[in-house]
Amino acid sequence: MSEIVAVPYEPKHRPQWDDFVLRSNNGTMFHLQRFLDYHPPGEFQFAHLLFLKGHRLVAVLPGGLTAAGVYESPVGASYGGFVLHDPSFDDCLRLVDALLAYAEGAGWNDVSLTGAPYIYQATLTQNIDFALLWRGFAYDCHYISSVIDLHRHGDDPLPHYSESTRLTVRRGRSSSRLQIAESTDFDTFYPILVENKARHGAKPTHSLEDIYRLKELLPDRFVFYSASLDGEMIAGALNFVANPRVLLVFYPMMRYSHQQHRPIYALMDRVVRHALENGFSYVDIGVSQDTKAANPMTPSVSLIRFKERFDSRGVMRSTLRWRRPQ
């Protein structure tokens, strides 16, 4: 049986890498080199890996080295971890062995992997998770992400929302003043995003220039809806087509000076209906952690409650970590 070996990524591998991700069982837009290209050269010390069984590519692993000398996957993205087709359990063990052999040769003492939740898979499998645990990885932390399962919703999600949310959404749908529409007006949206993040002592992950760069690199992966009151944008929801199964709500933001009009309810309803109309299986509304807490796992219970009004359930985004034995 052929051995699996890890080899470092080179720019010549880019077409093969992205083709593999697009045909994989669990790949997302965040695993594409086309996505990672939005980072300026030198911003991260990337160390992506390809895994070969003979001459056949069987997995890719995006990642890089941090200032602390930890190999992390992802670096500069939301999701990392092994991207796979559907390998056997034996091959999953060999993949982990190949990663650890490469880490040994490279002198890495610490490897951290955060893959996409299981809903991003076409065929559900935890072979690689068990293989990692069996070979000495351990869970380092978990975040909770709120996910809407569209298989439950038929043609209209409204009956599955909470009672008060149904009332608010109906008002929004019938309002002549509040208009929800697809847009590319990121210039108007970005100050709303900055204002929202500042309320929570944070800054956006992406600059305005990053958003335009990503839109240029991945035009088919953006879904942006704006909410306008009497023609003025008061809210927006920037969403990513993570893969054919999952629409990821990345930036749902509003001007708090107009929160009495509840534009986020109308936007969320439109995003969910967009996902239904376009054949997605899930809407991922993102993680809900208290960013001000000392423990990064601390849940933001109020934010989770809000997301549950749209019939979401919690799904874990977990990090597995290996440390060289002392």
C-alpha atoms as a PDB file:
ATOM      1  CA  MET A   1       0.000   0.000   0.000  1.00  0.00           C
ATOM      2  CA  SER A   2       1.426   3.382  -1.038  1.00  0.00           C
ATOM      3  CA  GLU A   3       2.822   5.655   1.638  1.00  0.00           C
ATOM      4  CA  ILE A   4       1.377   9.162   2.034  1.00  0.00           C
ATOM      5  CA  VAL A   5       3.905  11.984   2.211  1.00  0.00           C
ATOM      6  CA  ALA A   6       3.556  15.732   2.852  1.00  0.00           C
ATOM      7  CA  VAL A   7       5.238  18.170   0.482  1.00  0.00           C
ATOM      8  CA  PRO A   8       5.376  21.978   0.739  1.00  0.00           C
ATOM      9  CA  TYR A   9       3.118  24.072  -1.457  1.00  0.00           C
ATOM     10  CA  GLU A  10       4.666  26.056  -4.292  1.00  0.00           C
ATOM     11  CA  PRO A  11       2.947  28.602  -6.581  1.00  0.00           C
ATOM     12  CA  LYS A  12       3.048  26.077  -9.428  1.00  0.00           C
ATOM     13  CA  HIS A  13       0.589  23.944  -7.420  1.00  0.00           C
ATOM     14  CA  ARG A  14      -2.092  26.658  -7.342  1.00  0.00           C
ATOM     15  CA  PRO A  15      -4.378  25.312 -10.134  1.00  0.00           C
ATOM     16  CA  GLN A  16      -4.134  21.747  -8.808  1.00  0.00           C
ATOM     17  CA  TRP A  17      -4.782  22.926  -5.232  1.00  0.00           C
ATOM     18  CA  ASP A  18      -7.888  24.966  -6.042  1.00  0.00           C
ATOM     19  CA  ASP A  19      -9.298  22.254  -8.312  1.00  0.00           C
ATOM     20  CA  PHE A  20      -8.866  19.731  -5.497  1.00  0.00           C
ATOM     21  CA  VAL A  21     -10.647  22.008  -2.987  1.00  0.00           C
ATOM     22  CA  LEU A  22     -13.559  22.641  -5.347  1.00  0.00           C
ATOM     23  CA  ARG A  23     -14.074  18.884  -5.900  1.00  0.00           C
ATOM     24  CA  SER A  24     -13.525  17.910  -2.265  1.00  0.00           C
ATOM     25  CA  ASN A  25     -15.920  16.640   0.374  1.00  0.00           C
ATOM     26  CA  ASN A  26     -15.327  19.438   2.873  1.00  0.00           C
ATOM     27  CA  GLY A  27     -13.479  22.310   1.192  1.00  0.00           C
ATOM     28  CA  THR A  28     -14.668  25.897   1.491  1.00  0.00           C
ATOM     29  CA  MET A  29     -13.807  29.191  -0.153  1.00  0.00           C
ATOM     30  CA  PHE A  30     -11.424  29.826   2.767  1.00  0.00           C
ATOM     31  CA  HIS A  31      -9.266  26.881   1.683  1.00  0.00           C
ATOM     32  CA  LEU A  32      -8.760  28.223  -1.834  1.00  0.00           C
ATOM     33  CA  GLN A  33      -5.460  29.808  -2.810  1.00  0.00           C
ATOM     34  CA  ARG A  34      -7.646  32.229  -4.767  1.00  0.00           C
ATOM     35  CA  PHE A  35      -9.040  33.390  -1.404  1.00  0.00           C
ATOM     36  CA  LEU A  36      -5.696  33.489   0.392  1.00  0.00           C
ATOM     37  CA  ASP A  37      -4.304  35.621  -2.452  1.00  0.00           C
ATOM     38  CA  TYR A  38      -6.083  38.671  -1.026  1.00  0.00           C
ATOM     39  CA  HIS A  39      -3.448  38.948   1.691  1.00  0.00           C
ATOM     40  CA  PRO A  40      -0.484  41.199   0.813  1.00  0.00           C
ATOM     41  CA  PRO A  41       2.758  39.256   0.212  1.00  0.00           C
ATOM     42  CA  GLY A  42       4.646  38.774   3.457  1.00  0.00           C
ATOM     43  CA  GLU A  43       1.679  39.421   5.765  1.00  0.00           C
ATOM     44  CA  PHE A  44       1.783  35.793   6.932  1.00  0.00           C
ATOM     45  CA  GLN A  45       4.433  33.101   6.962  1.00  0.00           C
ATOM     46  CA  PHE A  46       2.397  30.614   4.978  1.00  0.00           C
ATOM     47  CA  ALA A  47       3.447  26.953   4.980  1.00  0.00           C
ATOM     48  CA  HIS A  48       0.701  25.148   3.060  1.00  0.00           C
ATOM     49  CA  LEU A  49       1.058  21.398   2.580  1.00  0.00           C
ATOM     50  CA  LEU A  50      -0.007  18.901  -0.090  1.00  0.00           C
ATOM     51  CA  PHE A  51      -0.312  15.192   0.682  1.00  0.00           C
ATOM     52  CA  LEU A  52       0.575  12.684  -2.012  1.00  0.00           C
ATOM     53  CA  LYS A  53      -0.145   8.977  -2.203  1.00  0.00           C
ATOM     54  CA  GLY A  54       2.246   7.953  -4.920  1.00  0.00           C
ATOM     55  CA  HIS A  55       1.639  10.622  -7.556  1.00  0.00           C
ATOM     56  CA  ARG A  56      -1.994  11.203  -6.511  1.00  0.00           C
ATOM     57  CA  LEU A  57      -3.038  14.234  -4.467  1.00  0.00           C
ATOM     58  CA  VAL A  58      -5.189  13.020  -1.563  1.00  0.00           C
ATOM     59  CA  ALA A  59      -5.352  16.058   0.764  1.00  0.00           C
ATOM     60  CA  VAL A  60      -4.294  19.668   1.167  1.00  0.00           C
ATOM     61  CA  LEU A  61      -3.702  21.637   4.355  1.00  0.00           C
ATOM     62  CA  PRO A  62      -3.570  25.444   4.307  1.00  0.00           C
ATOM     63  CA  GLY A  63      -1.653  27.007   7.159  1.00  0.00           C
ATOM     64  CA  GLY A  64       1.390  28.847   8.374  1.00  0.00           C
ATOM     65  CA  LEU A  65       3.683  29.655  11.253  1.00  0.00           C
ATOM     66  CA  THR A  66       2.784  32.259  13.870  1.00  0.00           C
ATOM     67  CA  ALA A  67       5.175  34.592  15.647  1.00  0.00           C
ATOM     68  CA  ALA A  68       5.112  32.142  18.570  1.00  0.00           C
ATOM     69  CA  GLY A  69       6.326  29.331  16.297  1.00  0.00           C
ATOM     70  CA  VAL A  70       2.999  27.466  16.218  1.00  0.00           C
ATOM     71  CA  TYR A  71       1.863  25.878  12.967  1.00  0.00           C
ATOM     72  CA  GLU A  72      -1.762  26.989  12.598  1.00  0.00           C
ATOM     73  CA  SER A  73      -4.401  26.039  10.107  1.00  0.00           C
ATOM     74  CA  PRO A  74      -6.006  28.331   9.159  1.00  0.00           C
ATOM     75  CA  VAL A  75      -3.866  31.430   8.984  1.00  0.00           C
ATOM     76  CA  GLY A  76      -5.611  34.459   7.500  1.00  0.00           C
ATOM     77  CA  ALA A  77      -8.917  32.609   7.004  1.00  0.00           C
ATOM     78  CA  SER A  78     -11.950  31.369   8.928  1.00  0.00           C
ATOM     79  CA  TYR A  79     -11.505  27.632   8.381  1.00  0.00           C
ATOM     80  CA  GLY A  80      -8.506  25.395   7.850  1.00  0.00           C
ATOM     81  CA  GLY A  81      -7.723  21.765   8.594  1.00  0.00           C
ATOM     82  CA  PHE A  82      -7.355  18.909   6.146  1.00  0.00           C
ATOM     83  CA  VAL A  83      -9.302  19.218   2.900  1.00  0.00           C
ATOM     84  CA  LEU A  84     -10.243  15.732   1.724  1.00  0.00           C
ATOM     85  CA  HIS A  85     -12.282  13.851  -0.811  1.00  0.00           C
ATOM     86  CA  ASP A  86     -13.466  10.803   1.162  1.00  0.00           C
ATOM     87  CA  PRO A  87     -10.422   8.790   2.263  1.00  0.00           C
ATOM     88  CA  SER A  88     -10.574   5.484   4.080  1.00  0.00           C
ATOM     89  CA  PHE A  89      -9.854   5.365   7.782  1.00  0.00           C
ATOM     90  CA  ASP A  90      -6.464   3.779   7.047  1.00  0.00           C
ATOM     91  CA  ASP A  91      -5.552   6.683   4.793  1.00  0.00           C
ATOM     92  CA  CYS A  92      -6.675   9.196   7.442  1.00  0.00           C
ATOM     93  CA  LEU A  93      -4.213   7.613   9.867  1.00  0.00           C
ATOM     94  CA  ARG A  94      -1.507   7.830   7.202  1.00  0.00           C
ATOM     95  CA  LEU A  95      -2.361  11.499   6.568  1.00  0.00           C
ATOM     96  CA  VAL A  96      -1.895  12.357  10.225  1.00  0.00           C
ATOM     97  CA  ASP A  97       1.322  10.355  10.351  1.00  0.00           C
ATOM     98  CA  ALA A  98       2.568  12.254   7.293  1.00  0.00           C
ATOM     99  CA  LEU A  99       1.739  15.595   8.939  1.00  0.00           C
ATOM    100  CA  LEU A 100       3.547  14.654  12.153  1.00  0.00           C
ATOM    101  CA  ALA A 101       6.547  13.354  10.205  1.00  0.00           C
ATOM    102  CA  TYR A 102       6.719  16.679   8.357  1.00  0.00           C
ATOM    103  CA  ALA A 103       6.357  18.596  11.632  1.00  0.00           C
ATOM    104  CA  GLU A 104       9.219  16.548  13.099  1.00  0.00           C
ATOM    105  CA  GLY A 105      11.452  17.320  10.133  1.00  0.00           C
ATOM    106  CA  ALA A 106      10.540  21.003  10.169  1.00  0.00           C
ATOM    107  CA  GLY A 107      11.133  21.331  13.906  1.00  0.00           C
ATOM    108  CA  TRP A 108       7.561  22.285  14.755  1.00  0.00           C
ATOM    109  CA  ASN A 109       6.624  21.735  18.387  1.00  0.00           C
ATOM    110  CA  ASP A 110       2.982  22.794  18.174  1.00  0.00           C
ATOM    111  CA  VAL A 111       0.306  22.175  15.511  1.00  0.00           C
ATOM    112  CA  SER A 112      -3.203  23.664  15.726  1.00  0.00           C
ATOM    113  CA  LEU A 113      -6.005  22.743  13.293  1.00  0.00           C
ATOM    114  CA  THR A 114      -9.444  24.378  13.089  1.00  0.00           C
ATOM    115  CA  GLY A 115     -11.580  22.763  10.402  1.00  0.00           C
ATOM    116  CA  ALA A 116     -15.025  23.720   9.183  1.00  0.00           C
ATOM    117  CA  PRO A 117     -17.992  22.247  11.133  1.00  0.00           C
ATOM    118  CA  TYR A 118     -19.459  18.983   9.871  1.00  0.00           C
ATOM    119  CA  ILE A 119     -22.325  20.728   8.027  1.00  0.00           C
ATOM    120  CA  TYR A 120     -19.813  21.809   5.375  1.00  0.00           C
ATOM    121  CA  GLN A 121     -19.301  18.174   4.311  1.00  0.00           C
ATOM    122  CA  ALA A 122     -21.104  16.569   1.385  1.00  0.00           C
ATOM    123  CA  THR A 123     -20.685  13.120   2.988  1.00  0.00           C
ATOM    124  CA  LEU A 124     -20.614  13.136   6.777  1.00  0.00           C
ATOM    125  CA  THR A 125     -17.488  11.542   8.221  1.00  0.00           C
ATOM    126  CA  GLN A 126     -15.292  12.039  11.277  1.00  0.00           C
ATOM    127  CA  ASN A 127     -12.513   9.668  10.224  1.00  0.00           C
ATOM    128  CA  ILE A 128      -9.899  12.409  10.187  1.00  0.00           C
ATOM    129  CA  ASP A 129     -10.997  13.764  13.587  1.00  0.00           C
ATOM    130  CA  PHE A 130     -10.619  10.366  15.212  1.00  0.00           C
ATOM    131  CA  ALA A 131      -7.304   9.765  13.454  1.00  0.00           C
ATOM    132  CA  LEU A 132      -5.971  13.064  14.808  1.00  0.00           C
ATOM    133  CA  LEU A 133      -7.110  12.220  18.336  1.00  0.00           C
ATOM    134  CA  TRP A 134      -5.677   8.715  18.121  1.00  0.00           C
ATOM    135  CA  ARG A 135      -2.304  10.060  17.037  1.00  0.00           C
ATOM    136  CA  GLY A 136      -2.012  12.459  19.959  1.00  0.00           C
ATOM    137  CA  PHE A 137      -4.011  15.576  19.111  1.00  0.00           C
ATOM    138  CA  ALA A 138      -6.433  16.854  21.737  1.00  0.00           C
ATOM    139  CA  TYR A 139      -9.287  19.333  21.682  1.00  0.00           C
ATOM    140  CA  ASP A 140      -7.948  22.790  22.527  1.00  0.00           C
ATOM    141  CA  CYS A 141     -11.149  24.864  22.371  1.00  0.00           C
ATOM    142  CA  HIS A 142     -14.629  24.999  20.886  1.00  0.00           C
ATOM    143  CA  TYR A 143     -16.735  27.867  19.570  1.00  0.00           C
ATOM    144  CA  ILE A 144     -20.468  27.609  19.045  1.00  0.00           C
ATOM    145  CA  SER A 145     -21.868  28.569  15.660  1.00  0.00           C
ATOM    146  CA  SER A 146     -25.590  29.036  14.996  1.00  0.00           C
ATOM    147  CA  VAL A 147     -26.836  27.136  11.971  1.00  0.00           C
ATOM    148  CA  ILE A 148     -30.221  27.036  10.229  1.00  0.00           C
ATOM    149  CA  ASP A 149     -31.031  23.641   8.713  1.00  0.00           C
ATOM    150  CA  LEU A 150     -32.928  24.474   5.518  1.00  0.00           C
ATOM    151  CA  HIS A 151     -34.043  20.881   5.016  1.00  0.00           C
ATOM    152  CA  ARG A 152     -36.792  21.691   7.539  1.00  0.00           C
ATOM    153  CA  HIS A 153     -38.095  24.814   5.832  1.00  0.00           C
ATOM    154  CA  GLY A 154     -39.848  23.940   2.577  1.00  0.00           C
ATOM    155  CA  ASP A 155     -40.428  27.006   0.396  1.00  0.00           C
ATOM    156  CA  ASP A 156     -40.905  29.556   3.174  1.00  0.00           C
ATOM    157  CA  PRO A 157     -38.925  29.727   6.426  1.00  0.00           C
ATOM    158  CA  LEU A 158     -41.437  32.028   8.138  1.00  0.00           C
ATOM    159  CA  PRO A 159     -43.443  29.313   9.988  1.00  0.00           C
ATOM    160  CA  HIS A 160     -40.214  28.152  11.678  1.00  0.00           C
ATOM    161  CA  TYR A 161     -39.293  31.523  13.170  1.00  0.00           C
ATOM    162  CA  SER A 162     -40.326  32.435  16.707  1.00  0.00           C
ATOM    163  CA  GLU A 163     -43.750  34.028  17.077  1.00  0.00           C
ATOM    164  CA  SER A 164     -42.433  37.562  17.690  1.00  0.00           C
ATOM    165  CA  THR A 165     -39.958  37.194  14.820  1.00  0.00           C
ATOM    166  CA  ARG A 166     -42.736  36.155  12.419  1.00  0.00           C
ATOM    167  CA  LEU A 167     -44.637  39.320  13.317  1.00  0.00           C
ATOM    168  CA  THR A 168     -41.564  41.534  12.826  1.00  0.00           C
ATOM    169  CA  VAL A 169     -40.666  39.886   9.519  1.00  0.00           C
ATOM    170  CA  ARG A 170     -44.203  40.255   8.180  1.00  0.00           C
ATOM    171  CA  ARG A 171     -44.098  43.952   8.985  1.00  0.00           C
ATOM    172  CA  GLY A 172     -40.783  44.262   7.209  1.00  0.00           C
ATOM    173  CA  ARG A 173     -42.010  42.388   4.137  1.00  0.00           C
ATOM    174  CA  SER A 174     -45.051  44.663   3.839  1.00  0.00           C
ATOM    175  CA  SER A 175     -43.276  47.962   4.571  1.00  0.00           C
ATOM    176  CA  SER A 176     -43.064  50.506   1.762  1.00  0.00           C
ATOM    177  CA  ARG A 177     -40.338  52.415   3.625  1.00  0.00           C
ATOM    178  CA  LEU A 178     -37.962  49.538   4.386  1.00  0.00           C
ATOM    179  CA  GLN A 179     -36.492  48.028   1.225  1.00  0.00           C
ATOM    180  CA  ILE A 180     -34.228  44.969   1.078  1.00  0.00           C
ATOM    181  CA  ALA A 181     -32.179  44.549  -2.084  1.00  0.00           C
ATOM    182  CA  GLU A 182     -28.976  42.966  -3.372  1.00  0.00           C
ATOM    183  CA  SER A 183     -26.231  45.551  -3.584  1.00  0.00           C
ATOM    184  CA  THR A 184     -22.534  46.151  -4.203  1.00  0.00           C
ATOM    185  CA  ASP A 185     -22.412  49.450  -2.312  1.00  0.00           C
ATOM    186  CA  PHE A 186     -19.701  48.478   0.145  1.00  0.00           C
ATOM    187  CA  ASP A 187     -18.581  52.120   0.527  1.00  0.00           C
ATOM    188  CA  THR A 188     -21.842  53.001   2.267  1.00  0.00           C
ATOM    189  CA  PHE A 189     -21.957  49.737   4.202  1.00  0.00           C
ATOM    190  CA  TYR A 190     -18.426  49.833   5.598  1.00  0.00           C
ATOM    191  CA  PRO A 191     -18.958  52.736   8.064  1.00  0.00           C
ATOM    192  CA  ILE A 192     -21.970  50.825   9.427  1.00  0.00           C
ATOM    193  CA  LEU A 193     -19.713  47.802   9.903  1.00  0.00           C
ATOM    194  CA  VAL A 194     -17.036  49.859  11.668  1.00  0.00           C
ATOM    195  CA  GLU A 195     -19.647  51.476  13.951  1.00  0.00           C
ATOM    196  CA  ASN A 196     -21.077  48.090  14.936  1.00  0.00           C
ATOM    197  CA  LYS A 197     -17.711  46.556  15.708  1.00  0.00           C
ATOM    198  CA  ALA A 198     -16.655  49.601  17.759  1.00  0.00           C
ATOM    199  CA  ARG A 199     -19.696  49.138  20.019  1.00  0.00           C
ATOM    200  CA  HIS A 200     -18.169  45.808  21.044  1.00  0.00           C
ATOM    201  CA  GLY A 201     -14.595  47.059  21.307  1.00  0.00           C
ATOM    202  CA  ALA A 202     -13.561  45.364  18.070  1.00  0.00           C
ATOM    203  CA  LYS A 203     -12.555  46.142  14.508  1.00  0.00           C
ATOM    204  CA  PRO A 204     -13.687  44.441  11.286  1.00  0.00           C
ATOM    205  CA  THR A 205     -11.615  41.471  10.171  1.00  0.00           C
ATOM    206  CA  HIS A 206     -11.442  43.006   6.690  1.00  0.00           C
ATOM    207  CA  SER A 207     -10.634  46.519   5.543  1.00  0.00           C
ATOM    208  CA  LEU A 208     -12.773  48.090   2.836  1.00  0.00           C
ATOM    209  CA  GLU A 209      -9.911  47.420   0.421  1.00  0.00           C
ATOM    210  CA  ASP A 210      -9.917  43.741   1.504  1.00  0.00           C
ATOM    211  CA  ILE A 211     -13.617  43.446   0.709  1.00  0.00           C
ATOM    212  CA  TYR A 212     -13.168  44.883  -2.769  1.00  0.00           C
ATOM    213  CA  ARG A 213     -10.127  42.670  -3.334  1.00  0.00           C
ATOM    214  CA  LEU A 214     -12.069  39.567  -2.290  1.00  0.00           C
ATOM    215  CA  LYS A 215     -14.982  40.594  -4.479  1.00  0.00           C
ATOM    216  CA  GLU A 216     -12.553  40.846  -7.390  1.00  0.00           C
ATOM    217  CA  LEU A 217     -10.928  37.468  -6.660  1.00  0.00           C
ATOM    218  CA  LEU A 218     -14.152  35.577  -5.833  1.00  0.00           C
ATOM    219  CA  PRO A 219     -17.062  37.424  -7.453  1.00  0.00           C
ATOM    220  CA  ASP A 220     -19.313  34.359  -7.362  1.00  0.00           C
ATOM    221  CA  ARG A 221     -18.837  33.923  -3.598  1.00  0.00           C
ATOM    222  CA  PHE A 222     -20.379  37.222  -2.424  1.00  0.00           C
ATOM    223  CA  VAL A 223     -24.032  37.779  -1.543  1.00  0.00           C
ATOM    224  CA  PHE A 224     -24.665  41.248  -0.098  1.00  0.00           C
ATOM    225  CA  TYR A 225     -28.101  42.521   0.892  1.00  0.00           C
ATOM    226  CA  SER A 226     -28.720  46.069   2.063  1.00  0.00           C
ATOM    227  CA  ALA A 227     -31.660  47.461   4.035  1.00  0.00           C
ATOM    228  CA  SER A 228     -32.670  51.005   3.118  1.00  0.00           C
ATOM    229  CA  LEU A 229     -35.165  53.224   4.931  1.00  0.00           C
ATOM    230  CA  ASP A 230     -36.652  55.850   2.638  1.00  0.00           C
ATOM    231  CA  GLY A 231     -33.672  55.340   0.330  1.00  0.00           C
ATOM    232  CA  GLU A 232     -30.944  55.551   3.014  1.00  0.00           C
ATOM    233  CA  MET A 233     -28.919  52.419   3.811  1.00  0.00           C
ATOM    234  CA  ILE A 234     -29.342  51.618   7.496  1.00  0.00           C
ATOM    235  CA  ALA A 235     -28.175  47.992   7.571  1.00  0.00           C
ATOM    236  CA  GLY A 236     -26.528  45.287   5.527  1.00  0.00           C
ATOM    237  CA  ALA A 237     -25.640  41.613   5.544  1.00  0.00           C
ATOM    238  CA  LEU A 238     -22.490  40.504   3.752  1.00  0.00           C
ATOM    239  CA  ASN A 239     -22.595  36.760   3.162  1.00  0.00           C
ATOM    240  CA  PHE A 240     -20.113  34.297   1.686  1.00  0.00           C
ATOM    241  CA  VAL A 241     -20.914  31.261  -0.448  1.00  0.00           C
ATOM    242  CA  ALA A 242     -18.621  29.044   1.605  1.00  0.00           C
ATOM    243  CA  ASN A 243     -19.331  25.999  -0.558  1.00  0.00           C
ATOM    244  CA  PRO A 244     -22.354  24.586  -2.444  1.00  0.00           C
ATOM    245  CA  ARG A 245     -23.969  23.521   0.829  1.00  0.00           C
ATOM    246  CA  VAL A 246     -23.488  26.459   3.181  1.00  0.00           C
ATOM    247  CA  LEU A 247     -24.200  30.181   2.959  1.00  0.00           C
ATOM    248  CA  LEU A 248     -22.187  31.925   5.687  1.00  0.00           C
ATOM    249  CA  VAL A 249     -23.571  35.152   7.186  1.00  0.00           C
ATOM    250  CA  PHE A 250     -20.333  37.013   7.873  1.00  0.00           C
ATOM    251  CA  TYR A 251     -21.263  40.642   8.582  1.00  0.00           C
ATOM    252  CA  PRO A 252     -24.905  41.325   9.595  1.00  0.00           C
ATOM    253  CA  MET A 253     -24.736  44.975  10.707  1.00  0.00           C
ATOM    254  CA  MET A 254     -27.080  47.920  11.303  1.00  0.00           C
ATOM    255  CA  ARG A 255     -27.065  51.569  12.357  1.00  0.00           C
ATOM    256  CA  TYR A 256     -28.227  51.462  15.960  1.00  0.00           C
ATOM    257  CA  SER A 257     -29.812  54.874  15.514  1.00  0.00           C
ATOM    258  CA  HIS A 258     -32.416  53.023  13.369  1.00  0.00           C
ATOM    259  CA  GLN A 259     -32.751  49.847  15.397  1.00  0.00           C
ATOM    260  CA  GLN A 260     -36.435  50.585  16.116  1.00  0.00           C
ATOM    261  CA  HIS A 261     -37.117  49.615  12.489  1.00  0.00           C
ATOM    262  CA  ARG A 262     -35.539  46.197  13.125  1.00  0.00           C
ATOM    263  CA  PRO A 263     -33.765  45.967   9.767  1.00  0.00           C
ATOM    264  CA  ILE A 264     -31.709  42.929  10.827  1.00  0.00           C
ATOM    265  CA  TYR A 265     -34.901  40.852  11.010  1.00  0.00           C
ATOM    266  CA  ALA A 266     -35.831  41.766   7.451  1.00  0.00           C
ATOM    267  CA  LEU A 267     -32.270  41.133   6.265  1.00  0.00           C
ATOM    268  CA  MET A 268     -31.981  37.747   7.960  1.00  0.00           C
ATOM    269  CA  ASP A 269     -35.299  36.679   6.477  1.00  0.00           C
ATOM    270  CA  ARG A 270     -34.133  37.691   2.997  1.00  0.00           C
ATOM    271  CA  VAL A 271     -30.808  35.889   3.407  1.00  0.00           C
ATOM    272  CA  VAL A 272     -32.539  32.680   4.519  1.00  0.00           C
ATOM    273  CA  ARG A 273     -34.940  32.889   1.586  1.00  0.00           C
ATOM    274  CA  HIS A 274     -32.015  33.516  -0.773  1.00  0.00           C
ATOM    275  CA  ALA A 275     -30.353  30.354   0.529  1.00  0.00           C
ATOM    276  CA  LEU A 276     -33.550  28.350  -0.010  1.00  0.00           C
ATOM    277  CA  GLU A 277     -34.029  29.735  -3.523  1.00  0.00           C
ATOM    278  CA  ASN A 278     -30.456  28.853  -4.470  1.00  0.00           C
ATOM    279  CA  GLY A 279     -30.320  25.291  -3.197  1.00  0.00           C
ATOM    280  CA  PHE A 280     -28.205  25.640  -0.070  1.00  0.00           C
ATOM    281  CA  SER A 281     -28.625  23.151   2.767  1.00  0.00           C
ATOM    282  CA  TYR A 282     -27.626  25.414   5.643  1.00  0.00           C
ATOM    283  CA  VAL A 283     -27.251  29.041   6.664  1.00  0.00           C
ATOM    284  CA  ASP A 284     -24.371  29.495   9.095  1.00  0.00           C
ATOM    285  CA  ILE A 285     -24.963  32.680  11.122  1.00  0.00           C
ATOM    286  CA  GLY A 286     -21.507  32.443  12.682  1.00  0.00           C
ATOM    287  CA  VAL A 287     -20.030  32.033  16.137  1.00  0.00           C
ATOM    288  CA  SER A 288     -21.457  33.696  19.236  1.00  0.00           C
ATOM    289  CA  GLN A 289     -18.684  34.235  21.759  1.00  0.00           C
ATOM    290  CA  ASP A 290     -18.287  36.960  24.369  1.00  0.00           C
ATOM    291  CA  THR A 291     -15.197  38.700  22.987  1.00  0.00           C
ATOM    292  CA  LYS A 292     -14.661  40.637  26.227  1.00  0.00           C
ATOM    293  CA  ALA A 293     -14.463  37.534  28.424  1.00  0.00           C
ATOM    294  CA  ALA A 294     -11.140  36.123  29.610  1.00  0.00           C
ATOM    295  CA  ASN A 295     -12.094  32.635  28.411  1.00  0.00           C
ATOM    296  CA  PRO A 296     -12.453  32.752  24.592  1.00  0.00           C
ATOM    297  CA  MET A 297     -15.030  29.952  24.725  1.00  0.00           C
ATOM    298  CA  THR A 298     -17.461  32.067  26.784  1.00  0.00           C
ATOM    299  CA  PRO A 299     -20.774  32.088  24.894  1.00  0.00           C
ATOM    300  CA  SER A 300     -22.722  35.249  24.158  1.00  0.00           C
ATOM    301  CA  VAL A 301     -26.057  33.897  25.345  1.00  0.00           C
ATOM    302  CA  SER A 302     -28.051  36.935  24.220  1.00  0.00           C
ATOM    303  CA  LEU A 303     -26.664  36.660  20.678  1.00  0.00           C
ATOM    304  CA  ILE A 304     -27.409  32.934  20.568  1.00  0.00           C
ATOM    305  CA  ARG A 305     -30.986  33.641  21.715  1.00  0.00           C
ATOM    306  CA  PHE A 306     -31.400  36.158  18.887  1.00  0.00           C
ATOM    307  CA  LYS A 307     -30.177  33.664  16.297  1.00  0.00           C
ATOM    308  CA  GLU A 308     -32.464  30.969  17.674  1.00  0.00           C
ATOM    309  CA  ARG A 309     -35.424  33.171  16.737  1.00  0.00           C
ATOM    310  CA  PHE A 310     -34.666  32.164  13.137  1.00  0.00           C
ATOM    311  CA  ASP A 311     -34.721  28.435  13.972  1.00  0.00           C
ATOM    312  CA  SER A 312     -30.961  28.004  14.350  1.00  0.00           C
ATOM    313  CA  ARG A 313     -29.201  25.304  16.330  1.00  0.00           C
ATOM    314  CA  GLY A 314     -25.700  25.233  17.791  1.00  0.00           C
ATOM    315  CA  VAL A 315     -22.880  23.519  15.909  1.00  0.00           C
ATOM    316  CA  MET A 316     -19.340  23.426  17.273  1.00  0.00           C
ATOM    317  CA  ARG A 317     -16.279  24.802  15.512  1.00  0.00           C
ATOM    318  CA  SER A 318     -13.460  22.937  17.219  1.00  0.00           C
ATOM    319  CA  THR A 319      -9.695  23.279  17.344  1.00  0.00           C
ATOM    320  CA  LEU A 320      -7.479  20.205  17.647  1.00  0.00           C
ATOM    321  CA  ARG A 321      -3.912  20.688  18.867  1.00  0.00           C
ATOM    322  CA  TRP A 322      -0.766  18.597  19.028  1.00  0.00           C
ATOM    323  CA  ARG A 323       2.240  19.481  21.178  1.00  0.00           C
ATOM    324  CA  ARG A 324       5.525  17.653  20.904  1.00  0.00           C
ATOM    325  CA  PRO A 325       6.037  15.490  24.012  1.00  0.00           C
ATOM    326  CA  GLN A 326       8.629  16.957  26.358  1.00  0.00           C
END
